[in-house]
């Protein structure tokens, strides 16, 4: 996220012309970036130190983000959609429920929470501390079914689910990583949990790191999700009538929309052909 918030973007074009994605919604798979959060705005003003500010843990959409999602919903009213896949982070699920709350066939839509779609591990904004609370909120308030079965099958206990992102941390030295993970797990269910999560964000600042999940690991996650789609839908991916929607994040989206993800085994920087998206922007992805 840092790399792209530090410079002004040209709203009229993406980083590169890429046949893999299109700004129209004619493809089978449609990728949407979540709506705006206060973290998106405040990072520009306050800089790196908000990476450890606990008020931003698993942030929600702000008023602008909610309006972005509601405005985007008009683009999907005429599309045949049943499966929506979202990141476990609150802002992604919130975006999904707002986009499809007025869909004429919303009773047929299921929002599937998939851990592979989470954002690159880089700050408190990408950490969670109360997944159970998130489940309860959307079970009570969402007019569309939110299915956690994929997530629950991957992370069995409530404690594992709360700190699921620990499985994507691969840049910290092993001892430091294990110590931090133990501190997080020990804090579960106590008043110290948010402080422990904040300390992980502070560690990122102290080590002067942009992220503690490597781009190579993020790249492998993007490829793994493409494999998941191929295995689940197979030849149906060629049928453009019924759409599959993915709602995730900026950095994950840049990997997922890249054609290089098919051709490389190791990646050290963001692909040159990736799609750099604005909040609630939607593109078709041909996988």
Protein backbone atom coordinates (compact mmCIF):
# COMPACT_ATOMS: atom_id res chain seq x y z
CA UNK A 1 0.00 0.00 0.00
CA UNK A 2 2.80 2.44 0.85
CA UNK A 3 4.33 2.45 -2.58
CA UNK A 4 1.18 3.75 -4.23
CA UNK A 5 -0.12 6.18 -1.63
CA UNK A 6 3.09 8.18 -1.70
CA UNK A 7 2.61 9.45 -5.21
CA UNK A 8 -0.27 11.01 -7.08
CA UNK A 9 -2.02 8.71 -9.51
CA UNK A 10 -3.35 9.47 -12.95
CA UNK A 11 -7.07 8.78 -12.71
CA UNK A 12 -7.35 8.27 -16.46
CA UNK A 13 -5.04 5.28 -16.82
CA UNK A 14 -3.55 2.29 -15.06
CA UNK A 15 0.15 1.54 -14.70
CA UNK A 16 0.20 -0.49 -17.89
CA UNK A 17 -2.04 -1.72 -20.67
CA UNK A 18 -2.75 -5.29 -19.74
CA UNK A 19 -4.94 -7.72 -21.69
CA UNK A 20 -5.44 -9.71 -18.51
CA UNK A 21 -7.80 -7.10 -17.01
CA UNK A 22 -10.29 -4.63 -18.44
CA UNK A 23 -12.15 -1.74 -16.86
CA UNK A 24 -15.43 -3.06 -18.26
CA UNK A 25 -17.35 -5.80 -16.44
CA UNK A 26 -17.62 -8.25 -19.32
CA UNK A 27 -15.31 -10.88 -17.86
CA UNK A 28 -16.27 -13.91 -15.82
CA UNK A 29 -14.25 -12.79 -12.79
CA UNK A 30 -14.69 -9.24 -11.49
CA UNK A 31 -12.19 -7.85 -8.99
CA UNK A 32 -13.20 -4.92 -6.74
CA UNK A 33 -11.01 -3.04 -4.31
CA UNK A 34 -12.73 -2.23 -0.98
CA UNK A 35 -14.05 1.24 -0.20
CA UNK A 36 -12.12 4.03 1.48
CA UNK A 37 -11.09 3.86 5.15
CA UNK A 38 -9.66 6.50 7.46
CA UNK A 39 -6.32 4.68 7.27
CA UNK A 40 -6.19 5.34 3.52
CA UNK A 41 -6.57 9.06 4.20
CA UNK A 42 -4.59 9.42 7.42
CA UNK A 43 -1.50 7.60 6.18
CA UNK A 44 -0.96 10.45 3.72
CA UNK A 45 -1.19 12.97 6.57
CA UNK A 46 0.51 11.17 9.47
CA UNK A 47 2.89 8.81 7.72
CA UNK A 48 4.44 5.56 8.86
CA UNK A 49 3.64 5.91 12.57
CA UNK A 50 -0.02 5.03 12.13
CA UNK A 51 1.15 1.51 11.26
CA UNK A 52 1.16 0.87 15.04
CA UNK A 53 -1.87 2.98 16.03
CA UNK A 54 -4.44 0.56 17.46
CA UNK A 55 -7.39 2.72 16.38
CA UNK A 56 -6.74 1.50 12.83
CA UNK A 57 -6.76 -2.26 13.56
CA UNK A 58 -8.97 -3.98 10.98
CA UNK A 59 -10.45 -0.62 10.02
CA UNK A 60 -14.02 -0.05 8.82
CA UNK A 61 -15.13 2.00 5.84
CA UNK A 62 -15.52 5.71 6.48
CA UNK A 63 -18.55 7.67 5.21
CA UNK A 64 -16.89 8.20 1.83
CA UNK A 65 -16.12 4.49 1.54
CA UNK A 66 -19.74 3.58 2.28
CA UNK A 67 -20.94 5.95 -0.44
CA UNK A 68 -18.38 4.54 -2.88
CA UNK A 69 -19.75 1.05 -2.31
CA UNK A 70 -23.37 2.13 -2.69
CA UNK A 71 -22.54 4.02 -5.87
CA UNK A 72 -20.65 1.03 -7.25
CA UNK A 73 -23.66 -1.21 -6.60
CA UNK A 74 -25.47 0.28 -9.59
CA UNK A 75 -22.89 -1.33 -11.89
CA UNK A 76 -23.90 -4.80 -10.73
CA UNK A 77 -27.69 -4.64 -10.59
CA UNK A 78 -28.13 -6.23 -14.03
CA UNK A 79 -25.41 -8.88 -13.62
CA UNK A 80 -26.10 -12.51 -12.75
CA UNK A 81 -24.06 -13.04 -9.58
CA UNK A 82 -24.17 -15.86 -7.05
CA UNK A 83 -20.67 -16.19 -5.58
CA UNK A 84 -18.75 -13.30 -4.03
CA UNK A 85 -15.35 -13.98 -2.43
CA UNK A 86 -13.99 -11.54 0.13
CA UNK A 87 -11.01 -10.97 2.39
CA UNK A 88 -11.59 -11.68 6.12
CA UNK A 89 -10.84 -8.03 6.91
CA UNK A 90 -13.85 -6.00 7.99
CA UNK A 91 -13.65 -3.35 5.26
CA UNK A 92 -13.84 -5.95 2.49
CA UNK A 93 -16.90 -7.73 3.93
CA UNK A 94 -18.53 -4.37 4.62
CA UNK A 95 -17.94 -3.31 1.00
CA UNK A 96 -19.49 -6.54 -0.27
CA UNK A 97 -22.64 -6.24 1.84
CA UNK A 98 -23.16 -2.62 0.77
CA UNK A 99 -22.59 -3.31 -2.93
CA UNK A 100 -25.08 -6.18 -3.07
CA UNK A 101 -27.65 -5.15 -0.44
CA UNK A 102 -29.98 -3.82 -3.17
CA UNK A 103 -29.22 -6.39 -5.84
CA UNK A 104 -32.52 -7.67 -7.34
CA UNK A 105 -31.42 -11.29 -6.78
CA UNK A 106 -29.64 -10.81 -3.47
CA UNK A 107 -31.35 -13.88 -2.01
CA UNK A 108 -29.23 -16.00 -4.40
CA UNK A 109 -25.91 -14.33 -3.51
CA UNK A 110 -23.49 -15.84 -1.01
CA UNK A 111 -20.47 -13.92 0.29
CA UNK A 112 -17.65 -16.40 0.93
CA UNK A 113 -14.85 -15.30 3.28
CA UNK A 114 -11.52 -16.57 1.91
CA UNK A 115 -8.24 -16.04 3.83
CA UNK A 116 -6.09 -16.01 0.68
CA UNK A 117 -7.68 -12.67 -0.24
CA UNK A 118 -6.40 -10.78 2.80
CA UNK A 119 -4.08 -7.81 2.32
CA UNK A 120 -0.30 -8.03 2.45
CA UNK A 121 0.83 -8.07 6.09
CA UNK A 122 2.19 -4.55 6.60
CA UNK A 123 0.42 -2.62 9.39
CA UNK A 124 -2.30 -2.75 12.07
CA UNK A 125 -4.80 -1.93 9.35
CA UNK A 126 -4.20 -5.44 8.01
CA UNK A 127 -4.42 -7.19 11.39
CA UNK A 128 -7.53 -8.44 13.17
CA UNK A 129 -8.26 -8.98 16.84
CA UNK A 130 -11.98 -9.86 17.02
CA UNK A 131 -13.03 -12.12 14.14
CA UNK A 132 -15.83 -13.56 16.26
CA UNK A 133 -17.22 -10.07 16.69
CA UNK A 134 -17.03 -9.50 12.94
CA UNK A 135 -18.94 -12.73 12.33
CA UNK A 136 -21.69 -11.72 14.75
CA UNK A 137 -22.09 -8.25 13.25
CA UNK A 138 -22.52 -9.47 9.69
CA UNK A 139 -24.71 -12.40 10.73
CA UNK A 140 -27.07 -9.93 12.38
CA UNK A 141 -26.89 -6.99 10.00
CA UNK A 142 -26.23 -8.37 6.52
CA UNK A 143 -29.19 -9.03 4.24
CA UNK A 144 -26.94 -11.39 2.27
CA UNK A 145 -25.57 -14.67 3.58
CA UNK A 146 -21.93 -14.41 4.71
CA UNK A 147 -20.38 -17.89 4.61
CA UNK A 148 -17.25 -18.41 6.76
CA UNK A 149 -16.86 -22.15 6.04
CA UNK A 150 -13.70 -21.82 3.89
CA UNK A 151 -12.07 -19.64 6.53
CA UNK A 152 -13.24 -21.90 9.37
CA UNK A 153 -11.88 -25.01 7.66
CA UNK A 154 -8.48 -23.38 7.34
CA UNK A 155 -8.34 -21.95 10.88
CA UNK A 156 -10.10 -24.24 13.34
CA UNK A 157 -10.10 -22.35 16.65
CA UNK A 158 -11.24 -18.84 17.50
CA UNK A 159 -7.70 -18.04 18.62
CA UNK A 160 -6.22 -19.16 15.29
CA UNK A 161 -8.84 -17.17 13.43
CA UNK A 162 -8.13 -13.98 15.34
CA UNK A 163 -4.47 -14.06 14.34
CA UNK A 164 -4.79 -15.85 10.99
CA UNK A 165 -2.45 -13.33 9.34
CA UNK A 166 0.45 -14.72 11.38
CA UNK A 167 0.55 -17.56 8.86
CA UNK A 168 1.51 -15.04 6.17
CA UNK A 169 4.45 -13.45 8.04
CA UNK A 170 7.69 -14.70 6.51
CA UNK A 171 10.18 -11.80 6.67
CA UNK A 172 10.86 -11.68 10.41
CA UNK A 173 13.73 -13.74 11.86
CA UNK A 174 12.30 -17.04 13.12
CA UNK A 175 12.93 -16.38 16.84
CA UNK A 176 11.43 -12.89 16.71
CA UNK A 177 8.47 -14.17 14.72
CA UNK A 178 7.79 -17.00 17.16
CA UNK A 179 8.08 -14.67 20.16
CA UNK A 180 5.67 -12.18 18.60
CA UNK A 181 3.23 -14.94 17.68
CA UNK A 182 3.33 -16.30 21.26
CA UNK A 183 2.65 -12.83 22.65
CA UNK A 184 -0.35 -12.43 20.36
CA UNK A 185 -1.77 -15.84 21.22
CA UNK A 186 -1.23 -15.28 24.95
CA UNK A 187 -3.14 -11.99 24.72
CA UNK A 188 -6.23 -13.64 23.21
CA UNK A 189 -9.36 -13.03 25.27
CA UNK A 190 -7.69 -10.42 27.50
CA UNK A 191 -7.63 -6.64 27.64
CA UNK A 192 -4.06 -6.76 26.29
CA UNK A 193 -4.97 -8.10 22.87
CA UNK A 194 -5.13 -4.76 21.05
CA UNK A 195 -1.86 -3.66 22.68
CA UNK A 196 -0.15 -6.87 21.49
CA UNK A 197 -1.41 -6.31 17.94
CA UNK A 198 -0.19 -2.70 18.11
CA UNK A 199 3.25 -3.89 19.19
CA UNK A 200 3.47 -5.97 16.03
CA UNK A 201 2.81 -2.80 14.04
CA UNK A 202 5.48 -1.00 16.08
CA UNK A 203 7.93 -3.78 15.28
CA UNK A 204 7.44 -3.09 11.58
CA UNK A 205 8.27 0.58 12.18
CA UNK A 206 11.28 -0.18 14.39
CA UNK A 207 12.72 -2.54 11.76
CA UNK A 208 12.05 0.05 9.05
CA UNK A 209 10.11 -2.50 7.00
CA UNK A 210 7.35 -1.79 4.48
CA UNK A 211 5.85 -5.21 5.13
CA UNK A 212 6.54 -8.42 7.02
CA UNK A 213 5.04 -10.62 4.33
CA UNK A 214 7.29 -10.90 1.30
CA UNK A 215 5.99 -10.07 -2.16
CA UNK A 216 6.94 -13.60 -3.13
CA UNK A 217 4.56 -14.96 -0.48
CA UNK A 218 1.82 -12.56 -1.59
CA UNK A 219 2.42 -13.65 -5.19
CA UNK A 220 2.02 -17.32 -4.21
CA UNK A 221 -1.26 -16.49 -2.47
CA UNK A 222 -2.57 -14.83 -5.63
CA UNK A 223 -1.60 -17.84 -7.71
CA UNK A 224 -3.14 -20.20 -5.14
CA UNK A 225 -6.43 -18.33 -5.37
CA UNK A 226 -6.40 -18.60 -9.15
CA UNK A 227 -5.85 -22.34 -8.77
CA UNK A 228 -8.80 -22.44 -6.34
CA UNK A 229 -11.04 -20.76 -8.92
CA UNK A 230 -9.96 -23.14 -11.68
CA UNK A 231 -10.50 -26.20 -9.49
CA UNK A 232 -13.93 -25.04 -8.28
CA UNK A 233 -15.34 -23.66 -11.52
CA UNK A 234 -13.35 -25.40 -14.27
CA UNK A 235 -14.86 -24.91 -17.72
CA UNK A 236 -17.49 -22.63 -16.23
CA UNK A 237 -14.84 -19.88 -16.21
CA UNK A 238 -15.42 -19.57 -19.96
CA UNK A 239 -19.13 -18.87 -19.44
CA UNK A 240 -19.31 -15.10 -19.13
CA UNK A 241 -23.00 -14.93 -18.20
CA UNK A 242 -22.81 -15.76 -14.51
CA UNK A 243 -20.19 -13.62 -12.75
CA UNK A 244 -17.77 -14.39 -9.92
CA UNK A 245 -16.94 -11.33 -7.81
CA UNK A 246 -13.82 -10.86 -5.67
CA UNK A 247 -13.55 -8.03 -3.14
CA UNK A 248 -10.07 -7.58 -1.72
CA UNK A 249 -7.28 -5.04 -1.36
CA UNK A 250 -4.84 -2.89 -3.29
CA UNK A 251 -1.64 -4.92 -2.99
CA UNK A 252 -3.34 -8.29 -3.39
CA UNK A 253 -5.15 -6.91 -6.42
CA UNK A 254 -1.93 -5.83 -8.04
CA UNK A 255 -0.66 -9.40 -7.86
CA UNK A 256 -3.95 -11.02 -8.82
CA UNK A 257 -4.45 -8.90 -11.94
CA UNK A 258 -0.92 -9.55 -13.21
CA UNK A 259 -0.27 -11.90 -16.10
CA UNK A 260 3.24 -12.43 -14.73
CA UNK A 261 1.67 -14.52 -11.97
CA UNK A 262 1.29 -17.25 -14.57
CA UNK A 263 4.86 -17.13 -15.77
CA UNK A 264 7.10 -16.59 -12.73
CA UNK A 265 8.07 -18.83 -9.85
CA UNK A 266 9.85 -16.10 -7.87
CA UNK A 267 8.92 -12.44 -7.67
CA UNK A 268 10.83 -9.62 -5.94
CA UNK A 269 8.78 -6.56 -6.92
CA UNK A 270 5.26 -5.71 -8.01
CA UNK A 271 4.66 -6.87 -11.59
CA UNK A 272 4.91 -4.16 -14.22
CA UNK A 273 1.64 -5.26 -15.77
CA UNK A 274 -0.46 -5.10 -12.58
CA UNK A 275 -3.64 -3.09 -12.17
CA UNK A 276 -3.34 -0.33 -9.55
CA UNK A 277 -6.92 0.32 -8.42
CA UNK A 278 -8.85 3.04 -6.64
CA UNK A 279 -11.27 2.36 -3.80
CA UNK A 280 -14.33 0.49 -5.11
CA UNK A 281 -12.97 0.41 -8.64
CA UNK A 282 -13.94 -2.79 -10.46
CA UNK A 283 -12.17 -4.57 -13.31
CA UNK A 284 -12.69 -7.78 -15.24
CA UNK A 285 -9.91 -10.32 -14.83
CA UNK A 286 -9.39 -13.07 -17.39
CA UNK A 287 -7.68 -16.01 -15.73
